[in-house]
C-alpha atoms as a PDB file:
ATOM      1  CA  MET A   1     -51.852   8.611 -32.846  1.00  0.00           C
ATOM      2  CA  GLN A   2     -52.914   6.262 -30.557  1.00  0.00           C
ATOM      3  CA  ALA A   3     -53.144   3.553 -33.128  1.00  0.00           C
ATOM      4  CA  GLU A   4     -49.679   4.383 -34.465  1.00  0.00           C
ATOM      5  CA  THR A   5     -48.103   4.129 -30.995  1.00  0.00           C
ATOM      6  CA  GLN A   6     -50.031   1.010 -30.216  1.00  0.00           C
ATOM      7  CA  LYS A   7     -48.211  -0.358 -33.553  1.00  0.00           C
ATOM      8  CA  ILE A   8     -44.922   0.461 -32.399  1.00  0.00           C
ATOM      9  CA  ILE A   9     -45.471  -1.214 -29.045  1.00  0.00           C
ATOM     10  CA  GLN A  10     -46.265  -4.372 -30.955  1.00  0.00           C
ATOM     11  CA  GLY A  11     -43.142  -4.217 -33.496  1.00  0.00           C
ATOM     12  CA  ILE A  12     -41.091  -3.583 -30.134  1.00  0.00           C
ATOM     13  CA  ASN A  13     -42.526  -6.830 -28.729  1.00  0.00           C
ATOM     14  CA  GLN A  14     -42.165  -8.669 -31.900  1.00  0.00           C
ATOM     15  CA  LYS A  15     -38.520  -7.437 -32.486  1.00  0.00           C
ATOM     16  CA  ASP A  16     -39.236  -5.826 -35.678  1.00  0.00           C
ATOM     17  CA  SER A  17     -36.435  -3.846 -36.766  1.00  0.00           C
ATOM     18  CA  LYS A  18     -38.460  -0.868 -38.344  1.00  0.00           C
ATOM     19  CA  ALA A  19     -40.271  -0.447 -35.068  1.00  0.00           C
ATOM     20  CA  TRP A  20     -36.937  -0.487 -33.064  1.00  0.00           C
ATOM     21  CA  LYS A  21     -35.334   2.094 -35.283  1.00  0.00           C
ATOM     22  CA  ILE A  22     -38.483   4.401 -34.684  1.00  0.00           C
ATOM     23  CA  PHE A  23     -38.226   3.321 -30.991  1.00  0.00           C
ATOM     24  CA  PHE A  24     -34.693   4.058 -30.819  1.00  0.00           C
ATOM     25  CA  GLU A  25     -34.733   7.507 -32.541  1.00  0.00           C
ATOM     26  CA  SER A  26     -37.268   8.455 -30.000  1.00  0.00           C
ATOM     27  CA  PHE A  27     -35.807   7.358 -26.667  1.00  0.00           C
ATOM     28  CA  TYR A  28     -31.958   7.143 -26.882  1.00  0.00           C
ATOM     29  CA  ALA A  29     -31.109  10.515 -26.577  1.00  0.00           C
ATOM     30  CA  PRO A  30     -33.656  11.248 -23.746  1.00  0.00           C
ATOM     31  CA  LEU A  31     -32.430   8.223 -21.948  1.00  0.00           C
ATOM     32  CA  CYS A  32     -28.954   9.294 -22.169  1.00  0.00           C
ATOM     33  CA  GLN A  33     -29.529  12.480 -21.093  1.00  0.00           C
ATOM     34  CA  TYR A  34     -31.823  11.111 -17.997  1.00  0.00           C
ATOM     35  CA  SER A  35     -28.567   8.626 -17.183  1.00  0.00           C
ATOM     36  CA  TYR A  36     -26.199  11.484 -17.647  1.00  0.00           C
ATOM     37  CA  LYS A  37     -27.884  13.284 -14.757  1.00  0.00           C
ATOM     38  CA  ILE A  38     -27.282  10.482 -12.382  1.00  0.00           C
ATOM     39  CA  LEU A  39     -23.715   9.985 -13.838  1.00  0.00           C
ATOM     40  CA  LYS A  40     -22.137  13.322 -14.680  1.00  0.00           C
ATOM     41  CA  ASP A  41     -20.437  11.120 -17.700  1.00  0.00           C
ATOM     42  CA  LYS A  42     -21.542  11.518 -21.163  1.00  0.00           C
ATOM     43  CA  GLN A  43     -19.691   8.458 -22.584  1.00  0.00           C
ATOM     44  CA  ILE A  44     -20.824   6.140 -19.325  1.00  0.00           C
ATOM     45  CA  ALA A  45     -24.571   7.448 -20.027  1.00  0.00           C
ATOM     46  CA  HIS A  46     -24.573   6.196 -23.397  1.00  0.00           C
ATOM     47  CA  ASP A  47     -22.985   2.798 -22.349  1.00  0.00           C
ATOM     48  CA  VAL A  48     -25.732   2.586 -19.806  1.00  0.00           C
ATOM     49  CA  VAL A  49     -28.470   3.126 -22.349  1.00  0.00           C
ATOM     50  CA  GLN A  50     -27.197   1.001 -24.827  1.00  0.00           C
ATOM     51  CA  ASP A  51     -26.694  -1.890 -22.291  1.00  0.00           C
ATOM     52  CA  VAL A  52     -30.485  -1.302 -21.297  1.00  0.00           C
ATOM     53  CA  LEU A  53     -31.533  -1.237 -25.135  1.00  0.00           C
ATOM     54  CA  LEU A  54     -29.610  -4.358 -25.845  1.00  0.00           C
ATOM     55  CA  SER A  55     -30.816  -6.211 -22.912  1.00  0.00           C
ATOM     56  CA  LEU A  56     -34.360  -5.220 -23.891  1.00  0.00           C
ATOM     57  CA  TRP A  57     -34.192  -6.473 -27.295  1.00  0.00           C
ATOM     58  CA  LYS A  58     -32.414  -9.834 -25.934  1.00  0.00           C
ATOM     59  CA  SER A  59     -35.262 -10.088 -23.218  1.00  0.00           C
ATOM     60  CA  GLU A  60     -38.727 -11.844 -23.822  1.00  0.00           C
ATOM     61  CA  ILE A  61     -40.454  -8.904 -21.919  1.00  0.00           C
ATOM     62  CA  ILE A  62     -43.918  -8.239 -23.615  1.00  0.00           C
ATOM     63  CA  PHE A  63     -45.146  -4.438 -23.139  1.00  0.00           C
ATOM     64  CA  GLU A  64     -49.011  -3.778 -23.263  1.00  0.00           C
ATOM     65  CA  THR A  65     -49.046  -0.018 -23.047  1.00  0.00           C
ATOM     66  CA  PRO A  66     -46.542   2.807 -24.056  1.00  0.00           C
ATOM     67  CA  GLN A  67     -46.339   3.497 -20.312  1.00  0.00           C
ATOM     68  CA  ALA A  68     -45.257   0.302 -19.279  1.00  0.00           C
ATOM     69  CA  LEU A  69     -42.629   0.188 -21.765  1.00  0.00           C
ATOM     70  CA  ILE A  70     -41.495   3.930 -20.579  1.00  0.00           C
ATOM     71  CA  SER A  71     -41.690   3.088 -17.175  1.00  0.00           C
ATOM     72  CA  TYR A  72     -39.558  -0.040 -17.760  1.00  0.00           C
ATOM     73  CA  LEU A  73     -36.911   2.008 -19.873  1.00  0.00           C
ATOM     74  CA  TYR A  74     -36.478   4.763 -17.379  1.00  0.00           C
ATOM     75  CA  LYS A  75     -36.211   2.231 -14.136  1.00  0.00           C
ATOM     76  CA  ALA A  76     -33.858   0.453 -16.118  1.00  0.00           C
ATOM     77  CA  VAL A  77     -31.790   3.119 -16.766  1.00  0.00           C
ATOM     78  CA  ILE A  78     -31.759   4.754 -13.024  1.00  0.00           C
ATOM     79  CA  ASN A  79     -30.871   0.960 -11.923  1.00  0.00           C
ATOM     80  CA  ASN A  80     -27.929   0.594 -14.337  1.00  0.00           C
ATOM     81  CA  SER A  81     -26.775   3.724 -13.546  1.00  0.00           C
ATOM     82  CA  LEU A  82     -26.606   3.437 -10.096  1.00  0.00           C
ATOM     83  CA  LYS A  83     -25.205  -0.013 -10.303  1.00  0.00           C
ATOM     84  CA  PHE A  84     -22.533   1.373 -12.295  1.00  0.00           C
ATOM     85  CA  LEU A  85     -21.904   4.097  -9.515  1.00  0.00           C
ATOM     86  CA  ARG A  86     -21.783   1.478  -6.939  1.00  0.00           C
ATOM     87  CA  ASN A  87     -19.582  -0.841  -8.710  1.00  0.00           C
ATOM     88  CA  ARG A  88     -17.382   2.057  -9.181  1.00  0.00           C
ATOM     89  CA  GLN A  89     -17.397   2.828  -5.508  1.00  0.00           C
ATOM     90  CA  ILE A  90     -16.446  -0.548  -4.583  1.00  0.00           C
ATOM     91  CA  GLU A  91     -13.762  -0.377  -6.894  1.00  0.00           C
ATOM     92  CA  THR A  92     -12.298   2.652  -5.968  1.00  0.00           C
ATOM     93  CA  HIS A  93     -12.704   1.400  -2.193  1.00  0.00           C
ATOM     94  CA  HIS A  94     -10.523  -1.905  -2.954  1.00  0.00           C
ATOM     95  CA  LEU A  95      -8.105   0.376  -4.690  1.00  0.00           C
ATOM     96  CA  GLN A  96      -7.919   2.651  -1.610  1.00  0.00           C
ATOM     97  CA  ILE A  97      -7.170  -0.071   0.777  1.00  0.00           C
ATOM     98  CA  TRP A  98      -4.674  -1.796  -1.404  1.00  0.00           C
ATOM     99  CA  GLN A  99      -2.594   1.514  -1.841  1.00  0.00           C
ATOM    100  CA  GLU A 100      -2.764   2.094   2.046  1.00  0.00           C
ATOM    101  CA  GLU A 101      -1.527  -1.519   2.309  1.00  0.00           C
ATOM    102  CA  LEU A 102       1.206  -1.194  -0.086  1.00  0.00           C
ATOM    103  CA  SER A 103       3.617   0.896   1.785  1.00  0.00           C
ATOM    104  CA  GLU A 104       7.069   1.780   1.221  1.00  0.00           C
ATOM    105  CA  GLU A 105       8.095  -1.043   3.389  1.00  0.00           C
ATOM    106  CA  THR A 106       5.863  -3.484   1.427  1.00  0.00           C
ATOM    107  CA  PHE A 107       7.224  -2.538  -1.654  1.00  0.00           C
ATOM    108  CA  ALA A 108      11.026  -2.819  -0.501  1.00  0.00           C
ATOM    109  CA  ASP A 109      10.141  -6.325   0.755  1.00  0.00           C
ATOM    110  CA  ILE A 110       8.696  -7.222  -2.762  1.00  0.00           C
ATOM    111  CA  VAL A 111      11.837  -5.884  -4.496  1.00  0.00           C
ATOM    112  CA  LYS A 112      13.943  -7.690  -1.933  1.00  0.00           C
ATOM    113  CA  GLU A 113      12.160 -10.976  -2.619  1.00  0.00           C
ATOM    114  CA  GLU A 114      12.350 -10.402  -6.292  1.00  0.00           C
ATOM    115  CA  VAL A 115      16.195 -10.012  -5.963  1.00  0.00           C
ATOM    116  CA  ILE A 116      16.288 -13.097  -3.593  1.00  0.00           C
ATOM    117  CA  ARG A 117      14.537 -15.102  -6.253  1.00  0.00           C
ATOM    118  CA  LYS A 118      16.889 -13.983  -9.121  1.00  0.00           C
ATOM    119  CA  LEU A 119      19.695 -14.757  -6.868  1.00  0.00           C
ATOM    120  CA  TYR A 120      18.591 -18.262  -6.275  1.00  0.00           C
ATOM    121  CA  ASN A 121      17.933 -18.948  -9.758  1.00  0.00           C
ATOM    122  CA  LEU A 122      21.482 -18.077 -10.649  1.00  0.00           C
ATOM    123  CA  ILE A 123      22.874 -20.140  -7.532  1.00  0.00           C
ATOM    124  CA  ASN A 124      20.959 -23.023  -8.898  1.00  0.00           C
ATOM    125  CA  GLN A 125      22.906 -22.516 -12.212  1.00  0.00           C
ATOM    126  CA  LEU A 126      26.172 -22.906 -10.338  1.00  0.00           C
ATOM    127  CA  PRO A 127      28.063 -26.421 -10.565  1.00  0.00           C
ATOM    128  CA  HIS A 128      27.245 -28.730  -7.590  1.00  0.00           C
ATOM    129  CA  GLU A 129      30.079 -27.929  -5.330  1.00  0.00           C
ATOM    130  CA  ARG A 130      30.555 -24.312  -5.951  1.00  0.00           C
ATOM    131  CA  ARG A 131      26.764 -23.913  -5.495  1.00  0.00           C
ATOM    132  CA  LYS A 132      27.022 -25.887  -1.923  1.00  0.00           C
ATOM    133  CA  ILE A 133      30.020 -23.711  -0.811  1.00  0.00           C
ATOM    134  CA  LEU A 134      28.015 -20.735  -1.769  1.00  0.00           C
ATOM    135  CA  LEU A 135      24.812 -21.700   0.398  1.00  0.00           C
ATOM    136  CA  MET A 136      26.907 -22.634   3.273  1.00  0.00           C
ATOM    137  CA  SER A 137      28.439 -19.231   3.277  1.00  0.00           C
ATOM    138  CA  LEU A 138      25.191 -17.490   2.811  1.00  0.00           C
ATOM    139  CA  GLU A 139      23.996 -19.685   6.097  1.00  0.00           C
ATOM    140  CA  GLY A 140      26.860 -18.002   7.722  1.00  0.00           C
ATOM    141  CA  MET A 141      29.507 -20.387   8.049  1.00  0.00           C
ATOM    142  CA  SER A 142      33.220 -19.097   7.683  1.00  0.00           C
ATOM    143  CA  GLY A 143      35.529 -20.528   5.023  1.00  0.00           C
ATOM    144  CA  GLU A 144      37.199 -22.511   7.530  1.00  0.00           C
ATOM    145  CA  GLU A 145      34.241 -24.197   8.763  1.00  0.00           C
ATOM    146  CA  ILE A 146      33.148 -25.000   5.145  1.00  0.00           C
ATOM    147  CA  ALA A 147      36.586 -26.447   4.371  1.00  0.00           C
ATOM    148  CA  THR A 148      36.481 -28.612   7.514  1.00  0.00           C
ATOM    149  CA  GLN A 149      32.947 -29.917   6.909  1.00  0.00           C
ATOM    150  CA  LEU A 150      33.690 -30.591   3.060  1.00  0.00           C
ATOM    151  CA  GLY A 151      36.959 -31.877   3.747  1.00  0.00           C
ATOM    152  CA  ILE A 152      38.649 -29.488   1.276  1.00  0.00           C
ATOM    153  CA  THR A 153      41.349 -26.620   1.712  1.00  0.00           C
ATOM    154  CA  ILE A 154      40.453 -22.982   2.903  1.00  0.00           C
ATOM    155  CA  TYR A 155      41.970 -22.156  -0.574  1.00  0.00           C
ATOM    156  CA  THR A 156      39.756 -24.202  -2.653  1.00  0.00           C
ATOM    157  CA  VAL A 157      36.580 -22.595  -0.605  1.00  0.00           C
ATOM    158  CA  LYS A 158      37.885 -19.216  -1.146  1.00  0.00           C
ATOM    159  CA  GLN A 159      38.455 -19.610  -4.930  1.00  0.00           C
ATOM    160  CA  GLN A 160      34.886 -21.389  -5.303  1.00  0.00           C
ATOM    161  CA  LYS A 161      33.301 -18.279  -3.479  1.00  0.00           C
ATOM    162  CA  TYR A 162      35.418 -16.059  -5.821  1.00  0.00           C
ATOM    163  CA  ARG A 163      34.181 -17.820  -9.166  1.00  0.00           C
ATOM    164  CA  ALA A 164      30.673 -18.077  -7.606  1.00  0.00           C
ATOM    165  CA  TYR A 165      30.685 -14.356  -6.722  1.00  0.00           C
ATOM    166  CA  LYS A 166      31.923 -13.355 -10.071  1.00  0.00           C
ATOM    167  CA  PHE A 167      29.404 -15.525 -11.910  1.00  0.00           C
ATOM    168  CA  MET A 168      26.779 -13.715  -9.902  1.00  0.00           C
ATOM    169  CA  ARG A 169      28.030 -10.143 -10.528  1.00  0.00           C
ATOM    170  CA  GLU A 170      28.282 -11.049 -14.441  1.00  0.00           C
ATOM    171  CA  HIS A 171      24.660 -12.437 -14.665  1.00  0.00           C
ATOM    172  CA  LEU A 172      22.568 -10.303 -12.032  1.00  0.00           C
ATOM    173  CA  GLY A 173      22.279  -7.234 -14.457  1.00  0.00           C
ATOM    174  CA  ILE A 174      20.001  -4.642 -12.896  1.00  0.00           C
ATOM    175  CA  TYR A 175      19.551  -6.586  -9.667  1.00  0.00           C
ATOM    176  CA  LYS A 176      23.398  -6.401  -9.030  1.00  0.00           C
ATOM    177  CA  ASP A 177      23.990  -3.493  -6.881  1.00  0.00           C
ATOM    178  CA  LEU A 178      20.557  -4.115  -4.818  1.00  0.00           C
ATOM    179  CA  LEU A 179      21.750  -7.733  -4.289  1.00  0.00           C
ATOM    180  CA  LEU A 180      24.996  -7.037  -3.271  1.00  0.00           C
ATOM    181  CA  SER A 181      23.848  -4.291  -0.760  1.00  0.00           C
ATOM    182  CA  PHE A 182      21.157  -6.761   0.606  1.00  0.00           C
ATOM    183  CA  LEU A 183      23.360 -10.150   0.922  1.00  0.00           C
ATOM    184  CA  PHE A 184      26.870  -9.355   0.734  1.00  0.00           C
ATOM    185  CA  PHE A 185      27.964  -6.338   2.318  1.00  0.00           C
END
């Protein structure tokens, strides 16, 4: 039995596929069970053990005795299981912080910014003079002030604003009601 075990250890050290098959059949299930005791999730326990075995296969570690191999395996499974839990805990903590910061007010601000972005994209599609009149109006200038500054009639200002608003309503789609409530009324 001792000679057979030593032969398997040698095969593992040399990456012999037959030795690895025996090794896998002997250790996979117990290692998964051990990881499951820590993680309380069978699928994740299987993933952890597979990662340990894969990294062992890729490594150049040489084991002198079966005890060294067994010790290595169980320590690696413990460490990787705990690492998984720690990473999940950090992830959960960051998610909680993010959710706390994303209040209803913050969400409303995000929606408002998106609507304003859409508005300015549409404004940039307007003809130059119509765009200028609309932007002056949005800055709070009255129709008379715009007409005086641009040297045009109040009728032209009203007509251009009407055409601009009509274009906006036609192209806003789902943003129309929201945008109109924010900016125009």
